[in-house]
Amino acid sequence: EKNTVKNTYTTKMVLLDESGNKTSEICSSPL
């Protein structure tokens, strides 16, 4: 994700089951 105002990037991560349902919260990373 790019914040177009701050010009910063963040990588987002979430676990899904095979039906596409989220099994964890969406987490952020500077990686």
ModelCIF file with pLDDT and N, C-alpha, C, O atoms, coordinates in Angstrom:
data_MODEL
#
_entry.id   MODEL 
#
_entity.id                         1 
_entity.type                       polymer 
_entity.pdbx_number_of_molecules   1 
#
_entity_poly.entity_id                      1 
_entity_poly.type                           'polypeptide(L)' 
_entity_poly.nstd_linkage                   no 
_entity_poly.nstd_monomer                   no 
_entity_poly.pdbx_seq_one_letter_code       EKNTVKNTYTTKMVLLDESGNKTSEICSSPL 
_entity_poly.pdbx_seq_one_letter_code_can   EKNTVKNTYTTKMVLLDESGNKTSEICSSPL 
_entity_poly.pdbx_strand_id                 A 
#
loop_
_entity_poly_seq.entity_id 
_entity_poly_seq.num 
_entity_poly_seq.mon_id 
_entity_poly_seq.hetero 
1 1  GLU n 
1 2  LYS n 
1 3  ASN n 
1 4  THR n 
1 5  VAL n 
1 6  LYS n 
1 7  ASN n 
1 8  THR n 
1 9  TYR n 
1 10 THR n 
1 11 THR n 
1 12 LYS n 
1 13 MET n 
1 14 VAL n 
1 15 LEU n 
1 16 LEU n 
1 17 ASP n 
1 18 GLU n 
1 19 SER n 
1 20 GLY n 
1 21 ASN n 
1 22 LYS n 
1 23 THR n 
1 24 SER n 
1 25 GLU n 
1 26 ILE n 
1 27 CYS n 
1 28 SER n 
1 29 SER n 
1 30 PRO n 
1 31 LEU n 
#
_struct_asym.id          A 
_struct_asym.entity_id   1 
#
loop_
_ma_qa_metric.id 
_ma_qa_metric.mode 
_ma_qa_metric.name 
_ma_qa_metric.software_group_id 
_ma_qa_metric.type 
1 global pLDDT . pLDDT 
2 local  pLDDT . pLDDT 
#
_ma_qa_metric_global.metric_id      1 
_ma_qa_metric_global.metric_value   89.32 
_ma_qa_metric_global.model_id       1 
_ma_qa_metric_global.ordinal_id     1 
#
loop_
_ma_qa_metric_local.label_asym_id 
_ma_qa_metric_local.label_comp_id 
_ma_qa_metric_local.label_seq_id 
_ma_qa_metric_local.metric_id 
_ma_qa_metric_local.metric_value 
_ma_qa_metric_local.model_id 
_ma_qa_metric_local.ordinal_id 
A GLU 1  2 94.00 1 1  
A LYS 2  2 92.00 1 2  
A ASN 3  2 91.00 1 3  
A THR 4  2 90.00 1 4  
A VAL 5  2 92.00 1 5  
A LYS 6  2 88.00 1 6  
A ASN 7  2 87.00 1 7  
A THR 8  2 87.00 1 8  
A TYR 9  2 87.00 1 9  
A THR 10 2 88.00 1 10 
A THR 11 2 90.00 1 11 
A LYS 12 2 93.00 1 12 
A MET 13 2 92.00 1 13 
A VAL 14 2 94.00 1 14 
A LEU 15 2 93.00 1 15 
A LEU 16 2 94.00 1 16 
A ASP 17 2 92.00 1 17 
A GLU 18 2 91.00 1 18 
A SER 19 2 92.00 1 19 
A GLY 20 2 94.00 1 20 
A ASN 21 2 93.00 1 21 
A LYS 22 2 92.00 1 22 
A THR 23 2 88.00 1 23 
A SER 24 2 87.00 1 24 
A GLU 25 2 87.00 1 25 
A ILE 26 2 91.00 1 26 
A CYS 27 2 87.00 1 27 
A SER 28 2 86.00 1 28 
A SER 29 2 82.00 1 29 
A PRO 30 2 78.00 1 30 
A LEU 31 2 77.00 1 31 
#
loop_
_atom_site.group_PDB 
_atom_site.id 
_atom_site.type_symbol 
_atom_site.label_atom_id 
_atom_site.label_alt_id 
_atom_site.label_comp_id 
_atom_site.label_asym_id 
_atom_site.label_entity_id 
_atom_site.label_seq_id 
_atom_site.pdbx_PDB_ins_code 
_atom_site.Cartn_x 
_atom_site.Cartn_y 
_atom_site.Cartn_z 
_atom_site.occupancy 
_atom_site.B_iso_or_equiv 
_atom_site.pdbx_formal_charge 
_atom_site.auth_seq_id 
_atom_site.auth_comp_id 
_atom_site.auth_asym_id 
_atom_site.auth_atom_id 
_atom_site.pdbx_PDB_model_num 
ATOM 1   N N  . GLU A 1 1  ? 0.840   -1.190  0.000  1.00 94.00 ? 1  GLU A N  1 
ATOM 2   C CA . GLU A 1 1  ? 0.000   0.000   0.000  1.00 94.00 ? 1  GLU A CA 1 
ATOM 3   C C  . GLU A 1 1  ? 0.880   1.248   0.000  1.00 94.00 ? 1  GLU A C  1 
ATOM 4   O O  . GLU A 1 1  ? 1.857   1.331   0.745  1.00 94.00 ? 1  GLU A O  1 
ATOM 5   N N  . LYS A 1 2  ? 0.531   2.194   -0.825 1.00 92.00 ? 2  LYS A N  1 
ATOM 6   C CA . LYS A 1 2  ? 1.241   3.472   -0.872 1.00 92.00 ? 2  LYS A CA 1 
ATOM 7   C C  . LYS A 1 2  ? 0.336   4.579   -0.358 1.00 92.00 ? 2  LYS A C  1 
ATOM 8   O O  . LYS A 1 2  ? -0.782  4.756   -0.843 1.00 92.00 ? 2  LYS A O  1 
ATOM 9   N N  . ASN A 1 3  ? 0.826   5.325   0.632  1.00 91.00 ? 3  ASN A N  1 
ATOM 10  C CA . ASN A 1 3  ? 0.152   6.526   1.097  1.00 91.00 ? 3  ASN A CA 1 
ATOM 11  C C  . ASN A 1 3  ? 0.579   7.662   0.183  1.00 91.00 ? 3  ASN A C  1 
ATOM 12  O O  . ASN A 1 3  ? 1.721   8.116   0.255  1.00 91.00 ? 3  ASN A O  1 
ATOM 13  N N  . THR A 1 4  ? -0.323  8.128   -0.678 1.00 90.00 ? 4  THR A N  1 
ATOM 14  C CA . THR A 1 4  ? 0.047   9.099   -1.701 1.00 90.00 ? 4  THR A CA 1 
ATOM 15  C C  . THR A 1 4  ? 0.299   10.497  -1.143 1.00 90.00 ? 4  THR A C  1 
ATOM 16  O O  . THR A 1 4  ? 0.851   11.350  -1.838 1.00 90.00 ? 4  THR A O  1 
ATOM 17  N N  . VAL A 1 5  ? -0.096  10.734  0.092  1.00 92.00 ? 5  VAL A N  1 
ATOM 18  C CA . VAL A 1 5  ? 0.171   12.024  0.732  1.00 92.00 ? 5  VAL A CA 1 
ATOM 19  C C  . VAL A 1 5  ? 1.552   12.026  1.383  1.00 92.00 ? 5  VAL A C  1 
ATOM 20  O O  . VAL A 1 5  ? 2.341   12.950  1.189  1.00 92.00 ? 5  VAL A O  1 
ATOM 21  N N  . LYS A 1 6  ? 1.833   10.979  2.158  1.00 88.00 ? 6  LYS A N  1 
ATOM 22  C CA . LYS A 1 6  ? 3.109   10.881  2.869  1.00 88.00 ? 6  LYS A CA 1 
ATOM 23  C C  . LYS A 1 6  ? 4.222   10.262  2.021  1.00 88.00 ? 6  LYS A C  1 
ATOM 24  O O  . LYS A 1 6  ? 5.392   10.305  2.402  1.00 88.00 ? 6  LYS A O  1 
ATOM 25  N N  . ASN A 1 7  ? 3.858   9.688   0.875  1.00 87.00 ? 7  ASN A N  1 
ATOM 26  C CA . ASN A 1 7  ? 4.809   9.026   -0.002 1.00 87.00 ? 7  ASN A CA 1 
ATOM 27  C C  . ASN A 1 7  ? 5.547   7.893   0.722  1.00 87.00 ? 7  ASN A C  1 
ATOM 28  O O  . ASN A 1 7  ? 6.766   7.763   0.613  1.00 87.00 ? 7  ASN A O  1 
ATOM 29  N N  . THR A 1 8  ? 4.790   7.082   1.459  1.00 87.00 ? 8  THR A N  1 
ATOM 30  C CA . THR A 1 8  ? 5.355   5.941   2.171  1.00 87.00 ? 8  THR A CA 1 
ATOM 31  C C  . THR A 1 8  ? 4.690   4.658   1.702  1.00 87.00 ? 8  THR A C  1 
ATOM 32  O O  . THR A 1 8  ? 3.556   4.658   1.224  1.00 87.00 ? 8  THR A O  1 
ATOM 33  N N  . TYR A 1 9  ? 5.426   3.567   1.850  1.00 87.00 ? 9  TYR A N  1 
ATOM 34  C CA . TYR A 1 9  ? 4.932   2.246   1.469  1.00 87.00 ? 9  TYR A CA 1 
ATOM 35  C C  . TYR A 1 9  ? 4.836   1.345   2.687  1.00 87.00 ? 9  TYR A C  1 
ATOM 36  O O  . TYR A 1 9  ? 5.673   1.410   3.588  1.00 87.00 ? 9  TYR A O  1 
ATOM 37  N N  . THR A 1 10 ? 3.821   0.514   2.707  1.00 88.00 ? 10 THR A N  1 
ATOM 38  C CA . THR A 1 10 ? 3.639   -0.482  3.760  1.00 88.00 ? 10 THR A CA 1 
ATOM 39  C C  . THR A 1 10 ? 3.235   -1.806  3.111  1.00 88.00 ? 10 THR A C  1 
ATOM 40  O O  . THR A 1 10 ? 2.438   -1.823  2.173  1.00 88.00 ? 10 THR A O  1 
ATOM 41  N N  . THR A 1 11 ? 3.783   -2.903  3.606  1.00 90.00 ? 11 THR A N  1 
ATOM 42  C CA . THR A 1 11 ? 3.360   -4.221  3.167  1.00 90.00 ? 11 THR A CA 1 
ATOM 43  C C  . THR A 1 11 ? 2.310   -4.754  4.137  1.00 90.00 ? 11 THR A C  1 
ATOM 44  O O  . THR A 1 11 ? 2.510   -4.725  5.351  1.00 90.00 ? 11 THR A O  1 
ATOM 45  N N  . LYS A 1 12 ? 1.204   -5.236  3.607  1.00 93.00 ? 12 LYS A N  1 
ATOM 46  C CA . LYS A 1 12 ? 0.115   -5.768  4.415  1.00 93.00 ? 12 LYS A CA 1 
ATOM 47  C C  . LYS A 1 12 ? 0.081   -7.298  4.293  1.00 93.00 ? 12 LYS A C  1 
ATOM 48  O O  . LYS A 1 12 ? 0.431   -7.862  3.257  1.00 93.00 ? 12 LYS A O  1 
ATOM 49  N N  . MET A 1 13 ? -0.346  -7.947  5.374  1.00 92.00 ? 13 MET A N  1 
ATOM 50  C CA . MET A 1 13 ? -0.360  -9.403  5.431  1.00 92.00 ? 13 MET A CA 1 
ATOM 51  C C  . MET A 1 13 ? -1.601  -9.890  6.160  1.00 92.00 ? 13 MET A C  1 
ATOM 52  O O  . MET A 1 13 ? -2.015  -9.293  7.154  1.00 92.00 ? 13 MET A O  1 
ATOM 53  N N  . VAL A 1 14 ? -2.197  -10.976 5.670  1.00 94.00 ? 14 VAL A N  1 
ATOM 54  C CA . VAL A 1 14 ? -3.345  -11.575 6.352  1.00 94.00 ? 14 VAL A CA 1 
ATOM 55  C C  . VAL A 1 14 ? -3.413  -13.053 5.980  1.00 94.00 ? 14 VAL A C  1 
ATOM 56  O O  . VAL A 1 14 ? -3.078  -13.430 4.857  1.00 94.00 ? 14 VAL A O  1 
ATOM 57  N N  . LEU A 1 15 ? -3.845  -13.884 6.919  1.00 93.00 ? 15 LEU A N  1 
ATOM 58  C CA . LEU A 1 15 ? -4.046  -15.301 6.656  1.00 93.00 ? 15 LEU A CA 1 
ATOM 59  C C  . LEU A 1 15 ? -5.475  -15.533 6.154  1.00 93.00 ? 15 LEU A C  1 
ATOM 60  O O  . LEU A 1 15 ? -6.423  -14.911 6.633  1.00 93.00 ? 15 LEU A O  1 
ATOM 61  N N  . LEU A 1 16 ? -5.607  -16.428 5.192  1.00 94.00 ? 16 LEU A N  1 
ATOM 62  C CA . LEU A 1 16 ? -6.910  -16.781 4.631  1.00 94.00 ? 16 LEU A CA 1 
ATOM 63  C C  . LEU A 1 16 ? -7.084  -18.291 4.661  1.00 94.00 ? 16 LEU A C  1 
ATOM 64  O O  . LEU A 1 16 ? -6.110  -19.035 4.550  1.00 94.00 ? 16 LEU A O  1 
ATOM 65  N N  . ASP A 1 17 ? -8.334  -18.747 4.811  1.00 92.00 ? 17 ASP A N  1 
ATOM 66  C CA . ASP A 1 17 ? -8.594  -20.169 4.581  1.00 92.00 ? 17 ASP A CA 1 
ATOM 67  C C  . ASP A 1 17 ? -8.833  -20.367 3.092  1.00 92.00 ? 17 ASP A C  1 
ATOM 68  O O  . ASP A 1 17 ? -8.804  -19.397 2.335  1.00 92.00 ? 17 ASP A O  1 
ATOM 69  N N  . GLU A 1 18 ? -9.069  -21.604 2.653  1.00 91.00 ? 18 GLU A N  1 
ATOM 70  C CA . GLU A 1 18 ? -9.171  -21.840 1.218  1.00 91.00 ? 18 GLU A CA 1 
ATOM 71  C C  . GLU A 1 18 ? -10.490 -21.350 0.619  1.00 91.00 ? 18 GLU A C  1 
ATOM 72  O O  . GLU A 1 18 ? -10.698 -21.429 -0.591 1.00 91.00 ? 18 GLU A O  1 
ATOM 73  N N  . SER A 1 19 ? -11.380 -20.843 1.480  1.00 92.00 ? 19 SER A N  1 
ATOM 74  C CA . SER A 1 19 ? -12.606 -20.216 0.996  1.00 92.00 ? 19 SER A CA 1 
ATOM 75  C C  . SER A 1 19 ? -12.461 -18.700 0.882  1.00 92.00 ? 19 SER A C  1 
ATOM 76  O O  . SER A 1 19 ? -13.411 -17.996 0.538  1.00 92.00 ? 19 SER A O  1 
ATOM 77  N N  . GLY A 1 20 ? -11.251 -18.209 1.179  1.00 94.00 ? 20 GLY A N  1 
ATOM 78  C CA . GLY A 1 20 ? -10.988 -16.783 1.074  1.00 94.00 ? 20 GLY A CA 1 
ATOM 79  C C  . GLY A 1 20 ? -11.394 -15.981 2.294  1.00 94.00 ? 20 GLY A C  1 
ATOM 80  O O  . GLY A 1 20 ? -11.400 -14.751 2.249  1.00 94.00 ? 20 GLY A O  1 
ATOM 81  N N  . ASN A 1 21 ? -11.736 -16.662 3.397  1.00 93.00 ? 21 ASN A N  1 
ATOM 82  C CA . ASN A 1 21 ? -12.110 -15.965 4.625  1.00 93.00 ? 21 ASN A CA 1 
ATOM 83  C C  . ASN A 1 21 ? -10.860 -15.619 5.434  1.00 93.00 ? 21 ASN A C  1 
ATOM 84  O O  . ASN A 1 21 ? -9.922  -16.413 5.509  1.00 93.00 ? 21 ASN A O  1 
ATOM 85  N N  . LYS A 1 22 ? -10.853 -14.452 6.028  1.00 92.00 ? 22 LYS A N  1 
ATOM 86  C CA . LYS A 1 22 ? -9.712  -14.048 6.859  1.00 92.00 ? 22 LYS A CA 1 
ATOM 87  C C  . LYS A 1 22 ? -9.690  -14.857 8.149  1.00 92.00 ? 22 LYS A C  1 
ATOM 88  O O  . LYS A 1 22 ? -10.712 -14.983 8.825  1.00 92.00 ? 22 LYS A O  1 
ATOM 89  N N  . THR A 1 23 ? -8.529  -15.406 8.490  1.00 88.00 ? 23 THR A N  1 
ATOM 90  C CA . THR A 1 23 ? -8.360  -16.149 9.736  1.00 88.00 ? 23 THR A CA 1 
ATOM 91  C C  . THR A 1 23 ? -7.398  -15.446 10.678 1.00 88.00 ? 23 THR A C  1 
ATOM 92  O O  . THR A 1 23 ? -7.034  -15.995 11.718 1.00 88.00 ? 23 THR A O  1 
ATOM 93  N N  . SER A 1 24 ? -6.985  -14.239 10.325 1.00 87.00 ? 24 SER A N  1 
ATOM 94  C CA . SER A 1 24 ? -6.165  -13.407 11.205 1.00 87.00 ? 24 SER A CA 1 
ATOM 95  C C  . SER A 1 24 ? -6.505  -11.956 10.917 1.00 87.00 ? 24 SER A C  1 
ATOM 96  O O  . SER A 1 24 ? -7.189  -11.651 9.940  1.00 87.00 ? 24 SER A O  1 
ATOM 97  N N  . GLU A 1 25 ? -6.029  -11.074 11.764 1.00 87.00 ? 25 GLU A N  1 
ATOM 98  C CA . GLU A 1 25 ? -6.171  -9.655  11.492 1.00 87.00 ? 25 GLU A CA 1 
ATOM 99  C C  . GLU A 1 25 ? -5.199  -9.249  10.384 1.00 87.00 ? 25 GLU A C  1 
ATOM 100 O O  . GLU A 1 25 ? -4.183  -9.912  10.176 1.00 87.00 ? 25 GLU A O  1 
ATOM 101 N N  . ILE A 1 26 ? -5.508  -8.161  9.672  1.00 91.00 ? 26 ILE A N  1 
ATOM 102 C CA . ILE A 1 26 ? -4.579  -7.615  8.687  1.00 91.00 ? 26 ILE A CA 1 
ATOM 103 C C  . ILE A 1 26 ? -3.450  -6.916  9.434  1.00 91.00 ? 26 ILE A C  1 
ATOM 104 O O  . ILE A 1 26 ? -3.700  -6.028  10.249 1.00 91.00 ? 26 ILE A O  1 
ATOM 105 N N  . CYS A 1 27 ? -2.218  -7.311  9.161  1.00 87.00 ? 27 CYS A N  1 
ATOM 106 C CA . CYS A 1 27 ? -1.056  -6.755  9.848  1.00 87.00 ? 27 CYS A CA 1 
ATOM 107 C C  . CYS A 1 27 ? -0.195  -5.968  8.875  1.00 87.00 ? 27 CYS A C  1 
ATOM 108 O O  . CYS A 1 27 ? -0.226  -6.203  7.667  1.00 87.00 ? 27 CYS A O  1 
ATOM 109 N N  . SER A 1 28 ? 0.574   -5.033  9.415  1.00 86.00 ? 28 SER A N  1 
ATOM 110 C CA . SER A 1 28 ? 1.415   -4.152  8.609  1.00 86.00 ? 28 SER A CA 1 
ATOM 111 C C  . SER A 1 28 ? 2.883   -4.437  8.852  1.00 86.00 ? 28 SER A C  1 
ATOM 112 O O  . SER A 1 28 ? 3.268   -4.880  9.934  1.00 86.00 ? 28 SER A O  1 
ATOM 113 N N  . SER A 1 29 ? 3.700   -4.183  7.848  1.00 82.00 ? 29 SER A N  1 
ATOM 114 C CA . SER A 1 29 ? 5.132   -4.414  7.961  1.00 82.00 ? 29 SER A CA 1 
ATOM 115 C C  . SER A 1 29 ? 5.894   -3.387  7.151  1.00 82.00 ? 29 SER A C  1 
ATOM 116 O O  . SER A 1 29 ? 5.440   -2.991  6.078  1.00 82.00 ? 29 SER A O  1 
ATOM 117 N N  . PRO A 1 30 ? 7.053   -2.943  7.644  1.00 78.00 ? 30 PRO A N  1 
ATOM 118 C CA . PRO A 1 30 ? 7.906   -2.054  6.851  1.00 78.00 ? 30 PRO A CA 1 
ATOM 119 C C  . PRO A 1 30 ? 8.718   -2.810  5.813  1.00 78.00 ? 30 PRO A C  1 
ATOM 120 O O  . PRO A 1 30 ? 9.417   -2.189  5.012  1.00 78.00 ? 30 PRO A O  1 
ATOM 121 N N  . LEU A 1 31 ? 8.644   -4.147  5.807  1.00 77.00 ? 31 LEU A N  1 
ATOM 122 C CA . LEU A 1 31 ? 9.435   -4.936  4.876  1.00 77.00 ? 31 LEU A CA 1 
ATOM 123 C C  . LEU A 1 31 ? 8.935   -4.748  3.455  1.00 77.00 ? 31 LEU A C  1 
ATOM 124 O O  . LEU A 1 31 ? 9.482   -5.339  2.524  1.00 77.00 ? 31 LEU A O  1 
#
